């Protein structure tokens, strides 16, 4: 894997709805950061959940970015060293990286059903305990695992975090952040249908595509502990993070694709010019 000598950032939207101003602000910050540093701005479509696809292959996302003048150096419909840039086409890569973790004994099969997980969570909340997975399946013997596999019981793969470990990241907005892994759950890497979770696919792509910086919304800050643990599992240097403040709607909640008046279609229909919107988003900054 090449060294991160070139500044490389990415905008990685999920095609589960129309872009809104919050998404565009994240894309703009990445675009401007790349331009200022003479780096690469990469577009990656994160469609790992087939049940929620709204915009196949991100076709509308691409049109919207180009409407704003945010052209990308690498991504769908463009040549690039790390193609394909659509996650549903990268399952083989994710499986290879999962196999490496399996060989290192850093993951384990979890056979708990959603109903069982919900019951555990409710019990923990009732006892005023932090709701996190109790690692029940990490304690299964080889014989117990074989019995469940022979019975064809569905399972997912979970990352095995070291509760005695602390992880430090560098964030351009928050400075040095320390995560104590005893406060985090062993998170899923796969779903029962065999697809890969956002957490894992997002990490694998950032690692393989040599992202030097990760600029994204502050709502992803808690994800960073698990993804940083994955970087360490592969003995790869972490990127520099920049978790941007969240744009809120009129009620003070995180802007959603369902908030009327903030989706790009609403703004276009209202007659807003892309230059005006870009200027506004650049002024409120990061």
C-alpha atoms as a PDB file:
ATOM      1  CA  UNK A   1       0.000   0.000   0.000  1.00  0.00           C
ATOM      2  CA  UNK A   2       1.368   3.407  -0.990  1.00  0.00           C
ATOM      3  CA  UNK A   3       2.333   5.959   1.623  1.00  0.00           C
ATOM      4  CA  UNK A   4      -0.033   8.858   2.273  1.00  0.00           C
ATOM      5  CA  UNK A   5       2.256  11.447   0.663  1.00  0.00           C
ATOM      6  CA  UNK A   6      -0.546  13.109  -1.311  1.00  0.00           C
ATOM      7  CA  UNK A   7      -3.423  14.811   0.447  1.00  0.00           C
ATOM      8  CA  UNK A   8      -6.441  12.617  -0.259  1.00  0.00           C
ATOM      9  CA  UNK A   9      -9.961  13.259   1.008  1.00  0.00           C
ATOM     10  CA  UNK A  10     -13.315  11.750   0.119  1.00  0.00           C
ATOM     11  CA  UNK A  11     -17.013  12.484   0.094  1.00  0.00           C
ATOM     12  CA  UNK A  12     -18.806   9.206   0.759  1.00  0.00           C
ATOM     13  CA  UNK A  13     -22.594   9.685   0.687  1.00  0.00           C
ATOM     14  CA  UNK A  14     -25.161   6.937   1.053  1.00  0.00           C
ATOM     15  CA  UNK A  15     -27.691   6.892  -1.826  1.00  0.00           C
ATOM     16  CA  UNK A  16     -30.666   6.491   0.504  1.00  0.00           C
ATOM     17  CA  UNK A  17     -32.286   9.823  -0.367  1.00  0.00           C
ATOM     18  CA  UNK A  18     -31.740  13.217  -1.941  1.00  0.00           C
ATOM     19  CA  UNK A  19     -28.759  15.322  -0.898  1.00  0.00           C
ATOM     20  CA  UNK A  20     -29.458  18.163   1.534  1.00  0.00           C
ATOM     21  CA  UNK A  21     -27.401  21.168   2.612  1.00  0.00           C
ATOM     22  CA  UNK A  22     -25.630  19.214   5.355  1.00  0.00           C
ATOM     23  CA  UNK A  23     -24.346  16.674   2.821  1.00  0.00           C
ATOM     24  CA  UNK A  24     -23.283  19.388   0.407  1.00  0.00           C
ATOM     25  CA  UNK A  25     -21.429  21.289   3.147  1.00  0.00           C
ATOM     26  CA  UNK A  26     -19.387  18.140   3.883  1.00  0.00           C
ATOM     27  CA  UNK A  27     -18.647  17.678   0.164  1.00  0.00           C
ATOM     28  CA  UNK A  28     -17.660  21.344  -0.159  1.00  0.00           C
ATOM     29  CA  UNK A  29     -15.283  21.230   2.825  1.00  0.00           C
ATOM     30  CA  UNK A  30     -13.568  18.164   1.373  1.00  0.00           C
ATOM     31  CA  UNK A  31     -13.382  19.758  -2.079  1.00  0.00           C
ATOM     32  CA  UNK A  32     -11.909  23.008  -0.770  1.00  0.00           C
ATOM     33  CA  UNK A  33      -9.450  21.188   1.496  1.00  0.00           C
ATOM     34  CA  UNK A  34      -8.190  19.130  -1.452  1.00  0.00           C
ATOM     35  CA  UNK A  35      -7.897  22.199  -3.690  1.00  0.00           C
ATOM     36  CA  UNK A  36      -5.997  24.176  -1.068  1.00  0.00           C
ATOM     37  CA  UNK A  37      -3.558  21.319  -0.476  1.00  0.00           C
ATOM     38  CA  UNK A  38      -3.232  20.426  -4.167  1.00  0.00           C
ATOM     39  CA  UNK A  39      -4.648  17.036  -3.268  1.00  0.00           C
ATOM     40  CA  UNK A  40      -7.257  14.598  -4.555  1.00  0.00           C
ATOM     41  CA  UNK A  41     -11.000  14.799  -3.956  1.00  0.00           C
ATOM     42  CA  UNK A  42     -12.570  11.347  -4.210  1.00  0.00           C
ATOM     43  CA  UNK A  43     -16.259  10.471  -4.536  1.00  0.00           C
ATOM     44  CA  UNK A  44     -17.309   7.089  -3.114  1.00  0.00           C
ATOM     45  CA  UNK A  45     -20.893   5.794  -3.069  1.00  0.00           C
ATOM     46  CA  UNK A  46     -21.614   3.874   0.151  1.00  0.00           C
ATOM     47  CA  UNK A  47     -24.486   1.568  -0.796  1.00  0.00           C
ATOM     48  CA  UNK A  48     -23.783  -1.369   1.507  1.00  0.00           C
ATOM     49  CA  UNK A  49     -27.430  -1.663   2.592  1.00  0.00           C
ATOM     50  CA  UNK A  50     -29.379  -2.831  -0.500  1.00  0.00           C
ATOM     51  CA  UNK A  51     -32.737  -2.446   1.259  1.00  0.00           C
ATOM     52  CA  UNK A  52     -32.368   1.337   1.496  1.00  0.00           C
ATOM     53  CA  UNK A  53     -31.147   2.252  -1.982  1.00  0.00           C
ATOM     54  CA  UNK A  54     -32.929   5.289  -3.411  1.00  0.00           C
ATOM     55  CA  UNK A  55     -30.420   6.554  -5.960  1.00  0.00           C
ATOM     56  CA  UNK A  56     -28.826   3.596  -7.780  1.00  0.00           C
ATOM     57  CA  UNK A  57     -25.068   4.001  -8.232  1.00  0.00           C
ATOM     58  CA  UNK A  58     -25.378   7.564  -6.937  1.00  0.00           C
ATOM     59  CA  UNK A  59     -26.449   8.918 -10.326  1.00  0.00           C
ATOM     60  CA  UNK A  60     -28.386  11.847  -8.841  1.00  0.00           C
ATOM     61  CA  UNK A  61     -25.647  12.526  -6.291  1.00  0.00           C
ATOM     62  CA  UNK A  62     -23.142  12.908  -9.127  1.00  0.00           C
ATOM     63  CA  UNK A  63     -25.475  15.291 -11.006  1.00  0.00           C
ATOM     64  CA  UNK A  64     -25.984  17.360  -7.864  1.00  0.00           C
ATOM     65  CA  UNK A  65     -22.249  17.662  -7.144  1.00  0.00           C
ATOM     66  CA  UNK A  66     -21.552  18.752 -10.712  1.00  0.00           C
ATOM     67  CA  UNK A  67     -24.424  21.281 -10.481  1.00  0.00           C
ATOM     68  CA  UNK A  68     -22.513  22.819  -7.569  1.00  0.00           C
ATOM     69  CA  UNK A  69     -19.249  22.726  -9.519  1.00  0.00           C
ATOM     70  CA  UNK A  70     -17.742  20.164  -7.133  1.00  0.00           C
ATOM     71  CA  UNK A  71     -15.983  17.976  -9.673  1.00  0.00           C
ATOM     72  CA  UNK A  72     -14.060  15.023  -8.269  1.00  0.00           C
ATOM     73  CA  UNK A  73     -10.660  13.604  -9.242  1.00  0.00           C
ATOM     74  CA  UNK A  74     -11.633   9.969  -8.709  1.00  0.00           C
ATOM     75  CA  UNK A  75     -14.952   8.220  -8.438  1.00  0.00           C
ATOM     76  CA  UNK A  76     -17.768   6.614 -10.435  1.00  0.00           C
ATOM     77  CA  UNK A  77     -17.498   7.206 -14.197  1.00  0.00           C
ATOM     78  CA  UNK A  78     -13.859   8.298 -13.847  1.00  0.00           C
ATOM     79  CA  UNK A  79     -10.626   6.392 -14.079  1.00  0.00           C
ATOM     80  CA  UNK A  80      -8.790   5.886 -10.823  1.00  0.00           C
ATOM     81  CA  UNK A  81      -6.262   3.572  -9.217  1.00  0.00           C
ATOM     82  CA  UNK A  82      -8.711   2.391  -6.561  1.00  0.00           C
ATOM     83  CA  UNK A  83     -11.805   1.573  -8.640  1.00  0.00           C
ATOM     84  CA  UNK A  84     -14.549   0.576  -8.250  1.00  0.00           C
ATOM     85  CA  UNK A  85     -15.850   3.492  -6.200  1.00  0.00           C
ATOM     86  CA  UNK A  86     -19.277   1.993  -5.483  1.00  0.00           C
ATOM     87  CA  UNK A  87     -19.219  -0.141  -2.348  1.00  0.00           C
ATOM     88  CA  UNK A  88     -21.677  -2.777  -3.564  1.00  0.00           C
ATOM     89  CA  UNK A  89     -19.058  -3.636  -6.201  1.00  0.00           C
ATOM     90  CA  UNK A  90     -16.282  -4.070  -3.607  1.00  0.00           C
ATOM     91  CA  UNK A  91     -17.606  -7.015  -1.567  1.00  0.00           C
ATOM     92  CA  UNK A  92     -14.671  -9.235  -2.556  1.00  0.00           C
ATOM     93  CA  UNK A  93     -12.229  -6.685  -1.101  1.00  0.00           C
ATOM     94  CA  UNK A  94     -14.142  -6.497   2.187  1.00  0.00           C
ATOM     95  CA  UNK A  95     -14.226 -10.291   2.431  1.00  0.00           C
ATOM     96  CA  UNK A  96     -10.462 -10.473   1.946  1.00  0.00           C
ATOM     97  CA  UNK A  97      -9.897  -7.991   4.783  1.00  0.00           C
ATOM     98  CA  UNK A  98     -12.386  -9.811   7.010  1.00  0.00           C
ATOM     99  CA  UNK A  99     -10.495 -13.059   6.357  1.00  0.00           C
ATOM    100  CA  UNK A 100      -7.305 -11.369   7.561  1.00  0.00           C
ATOM    101  CA  UNK A 101      -9.006 -10.416  10.826  1.00  0.00           C
ATOM    102  CA  UNK A 102     -10.350 -13.962  11.203  1.00  0.00           C
ATOM    103  CA  UNK A 103      -6.834 -15.344  10.766  1.00  0.00           C
ATOM    104  CA  UNK A 104      -5.558 -12.942  13.448  1.00  0.00           C
ATOM    105  CA  UNK A 105      -8.364 -14.023  15.819  1.00  0.00           C
ATOM    106  CA  UNK A 106      -9.519 -10.420  16.142  1.00  0.00           C
ATOM    107  CA  UNK A 107     -13.164 -11.146  15.319  1.00  0.00           C
ATOM    108  CA  UNK A 108     -15.775 -13.695  16.364  1.00  0.00           C
ATOM    109  CA  UNK A 109     -19.128 -15.037  15.236  1.00  0.00           C
ATOM    110  CA  UNK A 110     -22.166 -13.644  17.038  1.00  0.00           C
ATOM    111  CA  UNK A 111     -25.296 -15.823  16.839  1.00  0.00           C
ATOM    112  CA  UNK A 112     -27.540 -13.556  18.954  1.00  0.00           C
ATOM    113  CA  UNK A 113     -30.856 -12.692  17.334  1.00  0.00           C
ATOM    114  CA  UNK A 114     -32.132  -9.126  17.103  1.00  0.00           C
ATOM    115  CA  UNK A 115     -34.791 -10.003  19.682  1.00  0.00           C
ATOM    116  CA  UNK A 116     -32.109 -11.236  22.085  1.00  0.00           C
ATOM    117  CA  UNK A 117     -30.029  -8.114  21.537  1.00  0.00           C
ATOM    118  CA  UNK A 118     -33.049  -5.874  22.123  1.00  0.00           C
ATOM    119  CA  UNK A 119     -33.836  -7.727  25.371  1.00  0.00           C
ATOM    120  CA  UNK A 120     -30.233  -7.327  26.574  1.00  0.00           C
ATOM    121  CA  UNK A 121     -30.326  -3.624  25.781  1.00  0.00           C
ATOM    122  CA  UNK A 122     -33.615  -3.070  27.633  1.00  0.00           C
ATOM    123  CA  UNK A 123     -32.308  -4.975  30.645  1.00  0.00           C
ATOM    124  CA  UNK A 124     -29.120  -2.912  30.768  1.00  0.00           C
ATOM    125  CA  UNK A 125     -31.060   0.340  30.493  1.00  0.00           C
ATOM    126  CA  UNK A 126     -33.410  -0.782  33.278  1.00  0.00           C
ATOM    127  CA  UNK A 127     -30.374  -1.474  35.462  1.00  0.00           C
ATOM    128  CA  UNK A 128     -28.945   1.961  34.528  1.00  0.00           C
ATOM    129  CA  UNK A 129     -25.996   0.312  32.797  1.00  0.00           C
ATOM    130  CA  UNK A 130     -24.483   1.480  29.495  1.00  0.00           C
ATOM    131  CA  UNK A 131     -26.256  -0.486  26.715  1.00  0.00           C
ATOM    132  CA  UNK A 132     -23.538  -2.440  24.949  1.00  0.00           C
ATOM    133  CA  UNK A 133     -23.058  -5.997  23.742  1.00  0.00           C
ATOM    134  CA  UNK A 134     -22.141  -8.358  26.603  1.00  0.00           C
ATOM    135  CA  UNK A 135     -19.696 -10.456  24.512  1.00  0.00           C
ATOM    136  CA  UNK A 136     -21.709 -13.611  25.167  1.00  0.00           C
ATOM    137  CA  UNK A 137     -20.743 -15.162  21.839  1.00  0.00           C
ATOM    138  CA  UNK A 138     -17.059 -14.354  22.366  1.00  0.00           C
ATOM    139  CA  UNK A 139     -17.133 -16.987  25.139  1.00  0.00           C
ATOM    140  CA  UNK A 140     -18.490 -19.817  22.964  1.00  0.00           C
ATOM    141  CA  UNK A 141     -16.334 -22.947  22.738  1.00  0.00           C
ATOM    142  CA  UNK A 142     -15.294 -24.439  19.400  1.00  0.00           C
ATOM    143  CA  UNK A 143     -17.801 -27.247  19.959  1.00  0.00           C
ATOM    144  CA  UNK A 144     -20.638 -24.783  20.632  1.00  0.00           C
ATOM    145  CA  UNK A 145     -19.766 -22.797  17.522  1.00  0.00           C
ATOM    146  CA  UNK A 146     -19.711 -25.963  15.405  1.00  0.00           C
ATOM    147  CA  UNK A 147     -23.087 -27.013  16.779  1.00  0.00           C
ATOM    148  CA  UNK A 148     -24.637 -23.682  15.815  1.00  0.00           C
ATOM    149  CA  UNK A 149     -23.019 -23.733  12.373  1.00  0.00           C
ATOM    150  CA  UNK A 150     -24.207 -27.299  11.760  1.00  0.00           C
ATOM    151  CA  UNK A 151     -27.712 -26.140  12.684  1.00  0.00           C
ATOM    152  CA  UNK A 152     -27.281 -23.322  10.126  1.00  0.00           C
ATOM    153  CA  UNK A 153     -27.990 -20.665  12.731  1.00  0.00           C
ATOM    154  CA  UNK A 154     -27.433 -17.182  11.232  1.00  0.00           C
ATOM    155  CA  UNK A 155     -24.546 -15.124  12.582  1.00  0.00           C
ATOM    156  CA  UNK A 156     -22.608 -11.926  12.099  1.00  0.00           C
ATOM    157  CA  UNK A 157     -18.923 -11.186  12.616  1.00  0.00           C
ATOM    158  CA  UNK A 158     -18.029  -8.807  15.449  1.00  0.00           C
ATOM    159  CA  UNK A 159     -14.779  -6.962  16.043  1.00  0.00           C
ATOM    160  CA  UNK A 160     -13.087  -8.069  19.264  1.00  0.00           C
ATOM    161  CA  UNK A 161     -12.051  -4.884  21.079  1.00  0.00           C
ATOM    162  CA  UNK A 162      -9.472  -4.906  23.859  1.00  0.00           C
ATOM    163  CA  UNK A 163     -11.224  -3.304  26.882  1.00  0.00           C
ATOM    164  CA  UNK A 164      -7.845  -2.578  28.470  1.00  0.00           C
ATOM    165  CA  UNK A 165      -6.716  -0.457  25.538  1.00  0.00           C
ATOM    166  CA  UNK A 166      -6.960   3.254  24.815  1.00  0.00           C
ATOM    167  CA  UNK A 167      -6.859   4.767  21.342  1.00  0.00           C
ATOM    168  CA  UNK A 168      -5.698   8.299  20.563  1.00  0.00           C
ATOM    169  CA  UNK A 169      -6.697  10.193  17.410  1.00  0.00           C
ATOM    170  CA  UNK A 170      -5.830  13.630  16.067  1.00  0.00           C
ATOM    171  CA  UNK A 171      -8.882  15.710  15.157  1.00  0.00           C
ATOM    172  CA  UNK A 172      -8.513  19.123  13.531  1.00  0.00           C
ATOM    173  CA  UNK A 173     -11.644  20.397  15.294  1.00  0.00           C
ATOM    174  CA  UNK A 174     -11.226  18.803  18.727  1.00  0.00           C
ATOM    175  CA  UNK A 175      -7.469  18.293  19.013  1.00  0.00           C
ATOM    176  CA  UNK A 176      -6.229  15.092  20.633  1.00  0.00           C
ATOM    177  CA  UNK A 177      -9.036  12.705  21.580  1.00  0.00           C
ATOM    178  CA  UNK A 178      -8.567   9.590  23.710  1.00  0.00           C
ATOM    179  CA  UNK A 179     -11.044   6.725  23.469  1.00  0.00           C
ATOM    180  CA  UNK A 180     -11.114   4.146  26.269  1.00  0.00           C
ATOM    181  CA  UNK A 181     -12.270   0.948  24.546  1.00  0.00           C
ATOM    182  CA  UNK A 182     -13.879  -0.411  27.713  1.00  0.00           C
ATOM    183  CA  UNK A 183     -16.696   2.028  26.987  1.00  0.00           C
ATOM    184  CA  UNK A 184     -17.352   0.635  23.485  1.00  0.00           C
ATOM    185  CA  UNK A 185     -19.140  -2.452  22.185  1.00  0.00           C
ATOM    186  CA  UNK A 186     -17.666  -5.154  19.989  1.00  0.00           C
ATOM    187  CA  UNK A 187     -19.267  -3.758  16.843  1.00  0.00           C
ATOM    188  CA  UNK A 188     -20.615  -5.739  13.850  1.00  0.00           C
ATOM    189  CA  UNK A 189     -18.588  -6.003  10.657  1.00  0.00           C
ATOM    190  CA  UNK A 190     -21.228  -7.935   8.726  1.00  0.00           C
ATOM    191  CA  UNK A 191     -24.994  -8.411   8.601  1.00  0.00           C
ATOM    192  CA  UNK A 192     -26.747 -11.772   8.718  1.00  0.00           C
ATOM    193  CA  UNK A 193     -27.389 -11.590   4.965  1.00  0.00           C
ATOM    194  CA  UNK A 194     -23.643 -11.518   4.341  1.00  0.00           C
ATOM    195  CA  UNK A 195     -23.340  -7.833   3.435  1.00  0.00           C
ATOM    196  CA  UNK A 196     -20.848  -5.596   5.212  1.00  0.00           C
ATOM    197  CA  UNK A 197     -21.668  -2.816   7.652  1.00  0.00           C
ATOM    198  CA  UNK A 198     -20.961   0.860   7.113  1.00  0.00           C
ATOM    199  CA  UNK A 199     -18.308   0.782   9.858  1.00  0.00           C
ATOM    200  CA  UNK A 200     -16.237  -1.916   8.200  1.00  0.00           C
ATOM    201  CA  UNK A 201     -16.672  -1.010   4.536  1.00  0.00           C
ATOM    202  CA  UNK A 202     -16.001   2.647   5.280  1.00  0.00           C
ATOM    203  CA  UNK A 203     -12.772   1.781   7.105  1.00  0.00           C
ATOM    204  CA  UNK A 204     -11.546  -0.682   4.461  1.00  0.00           C
ATOM    205  CA  UNK A 205     -12.063   1.821   1.671  1.00  0.00           C
ATOM    206  CA  UNK A 206     -10.390   4.664   3.555  1.00  0.00           C
ATOM    207  CA  UNK A 207      -7.422   2.395   4.295  1.00  0.00           C
ATOM    208  CA  UNK A 208      -7.049   0.925   0.803  1.00  0.00           C
ATOM    209  CA  UNK A 209      -7.687   4.236  -0.966  1.00  0.00           C
ATOM    210  CA  UNK A 210      -4.989   5.875   1.178  1.00  0.00           C
ATOM    211  CA  UNK A 211      -7.109   8.654   2.603  1.00  0.00           C
ATOM    212  CA  UNK A 212      -4.788  11.085   4.375  1.00  0.00           C
ATOM    213  CA  UNK A 213      -7.625  13.060   5.983  1.00  0.00           C
ATOM    214  CA  UNK A 214     -11.225  12.197   6.855  1.00  0.00           C
ATOM    215  CA  UNK A 215     -13.571  15.191   6.944  1.00  0.00           C
ATOM    216  CA  UNK A 216     -17.096  14.262   7.997  1.00  0.00           C
ATOM    217  CA  UNK A 217     -19.957  15.248  10.272  1.00  0.00           C
ATOM    218  CA  UNK A 218     -19.529  15.309  14.027  1.00  0.00           C
ATOM    219  CA  UNK A 219     -22.231  12.630  14.317  1.00  0.00           C
ATOM    220  CA  UNK A 220     -19.581  10.133  13.155  1.00  0.00           C
ATOM    221  CA  UNK A 221     -17.196  10.955  16.005  1.00  0.00           C
ATOM    222  CA  UNK A 222     -18.256   7.932  18.063  1.00  0.00           C
ATOM    223  CA  UNK A 223     -17.594   5.660  15.055  1.00  0.00           C
ATOM    224  CA  UNK A 224     -13.986   6.755  15.040  1.00  0.00           C
ATOM    225  CA  UNK A 225     -12.958   4.651  18.039  1.00  0.00           C
ATOM    226  CA  UNK A 226     -13.915   1.400  16.309  1.00  0.00           C
ATOM    227  CA  UNK A 227     -12.438   2.435  12.983  1.00  0.00           C
ATOM    228  CA  UNK A 228      -9.217   3.496  14.691  1.00  0.00           C
ATOM    229  CA  UNK A 229      -9.083   0.051  16.320  1.00  0.00           C
ATOM    230  CA  UNK A 230      -9.364  -1.460  12.849  1.00  0.00           C
ATOM    231  CA  UNK A 231      -6.470   0.658  11.581  1.00  0.00           C
ATOM    232  CA  UNK A 232      -4.356  -0.629  14.444  1.00  0.00           C
ATOM    233  CA  UNK A 233      -5.434  -4.209  13.749  1.00  0.00           C
ATOM    234  CA  UNK A 234      -3.970  -3.858  10.247  1.00  0.00           C
ATOM    235  CA  UNK A 235      -0.934  -1.926  11.538  1.00  0.00           C
ATOM    236  CA  UNK A 236      -1.734   1.028   9.282  1.00  0.00           C
ATOM    237  CA  UNK A 237      -1.294   4.708  10.296  1.00  0.00           C
ATOM    238  CA  UNK A 238      -4.514   6.560  11.026  1.00  0.00           C
ATOM    239  CA  UNK A 239      -5.629   9.448   8.832  1.00  0.00           C
ATOM    240  CA  UNK A 240      -6.090  12.898  10.345  1.00  0.00           C
ATOM    241  CA  UNK A 241      -9.740  13.445  11.248  1.00  0.00           C
ATOM    242  CA  UNK A 242     -11.845  16.579  11.081  1.00  0.00           C
ATOM    243  CA  UNK A 243     -15.347  16.173  12.479  1.00  0.00           C
ATOM    244  CA  UNK A 244     -17.424  19.087  11.257  1.00  0.00           C
ATOM    245  CA  UNK A 245     -20.202  20.717  13.316  1.00  0.00           C
ATOM    246  CA  UNK A 246     -23.645  19.473  12.350  1.00  0.00           C
ATOM    247  CA  UNK A 247     -26.118  21.678  10.487  1.00  0.00           C
ATOM    248  CA  UNK A 248     -29.468  21.575  12.293  1.00  0.00           C
ATOM    249  CA  UNK A 249     -33.020  22.098  11.112  1.00  0.00           C
ATOM    250  CA  UNK A 250     -35.444  24.688  12.466  1.00  0.00           C
ATOM    251  CA  UNK A 251     -36.200  22.524  15.522  1.00  0.00           C
ATOM    252  CA  UNK A 252     -32.524  22.193  16.457  1.00  0.00           C
ATOM    253  CA  UNK A 253     -32.193  18.579  15.346  1.00  0.00           C
ATOM    254  CA  UNK A 254     -29.667  17.198  12.876  1.00  0.00           C
ATOM    255  CA  UNK A 255     -30.646  18.077   9.313  1.00  0.00           C
ATOM    256  CA  UNK A 256     -32.370  15.156   7.615  1.00  0.00           C
ATOM    257  CA  UNK A 257     -33.080  14.237   3.999  1.00  0.00           C
ATOM    258  CA  UNK A 258     -36.741  14.377   5.009  1.00  0.00           C
ATOM    259  CA  UNK A 259     -36.619  18.033   6.149  1.00  0.00           C
ATOM    260  CA  UNK A 260     -38.632  20.026   3.634  1.00  0.00           C
ATOM    261  CA  UNK A 261     -36.899  23.078   2.225  1.00  0.00           C
ATOM    262  CA  UNK A 262     -33.321  21.855   2.743  1.00  0.00           C
ATOM    263  CA  UNK A 263     -33.158  19.185   0.014  1.00  0.00           C
ATOM    264  CA  UNK A 264     -31.529  20.308  -3.218  1.00  0.00           C
ATOM    265  CA  UNK A 265     -34.697  19.749  -5.211  1.00  0.00           C
ATOM    266  CA  UNK A 266     -36.561  22.102  -2.882  1.00  0.00           C
ATOM    267  CA  UNK A 267     -33.854  24.753  -3.187  1.00  0.00           C
ATOM    268  CA  UNK A 268     -33.629  24.468  -6.967  1.00  0.00           C
ATOM    269  CA  UNK A 269     -37.392  24.723  -7.267  1.00  0.00           C
ATOM    270  CA  UNK A 270     -37.288  27.834  -5.091  1.00  0.00           C
ATOM    271  CA  UNK A 271     -34.854  29.400  -7.566  1.00  0.00           C
ATOM    272  CA  UNK A 272     -31.614  29.340  -5.584  1.00  0.00           C
ATOM    273  CA  UNK A 273     -28.449  29.434  -7.668  1.00  0.00           C
ATOM    274  CA  UNK A 274     -25.652  26.946  -6.912  1.00  0.00           C
ATOM    275  CA  UNK A 275     -23.160  29.803  -6.508  1.00  0.00           C
ATOM    276  CA  UNK A 276     -25.311  31.374  -3.802  1.00  0.00           C
ATOM    277  CA  UNK A 277     -25.642  28.097  -1.915  1.00  0.00           C
ATOM    278  CA  UNK A 278     -21.905  27.362  -2.121  1.00  0.00           C
ATOM    279  CA  UNK A 279     -21.140  30.878  -0.886  1.00  0.00           C
ATOM    280  CA  UNK A 280     -23.518  30.428   2.054  1.00  0.00           C
ATOM    281  CA  UNK A 281     -22.070  27.020   3.011  1.00  0.00           C
ATOM    282  CA  UNK A 282     -18.508  28.330   2.708  1.00  0.00           C
ATOM    283  CA  UNK A 283     -19.338  31.279   4.998  1.00  0.00           C
ATOM    284  CA  UNK A 284     -20.712  29.066   7.777  1.00  0.00           C
ATOM    285  CA  UNK A 285     -17.576  26.930   7.280  1.00  0.00           C
ATOM    286  CA  UNK A 286     -16.484  24.051   9.474  1.00  0.00           C
END
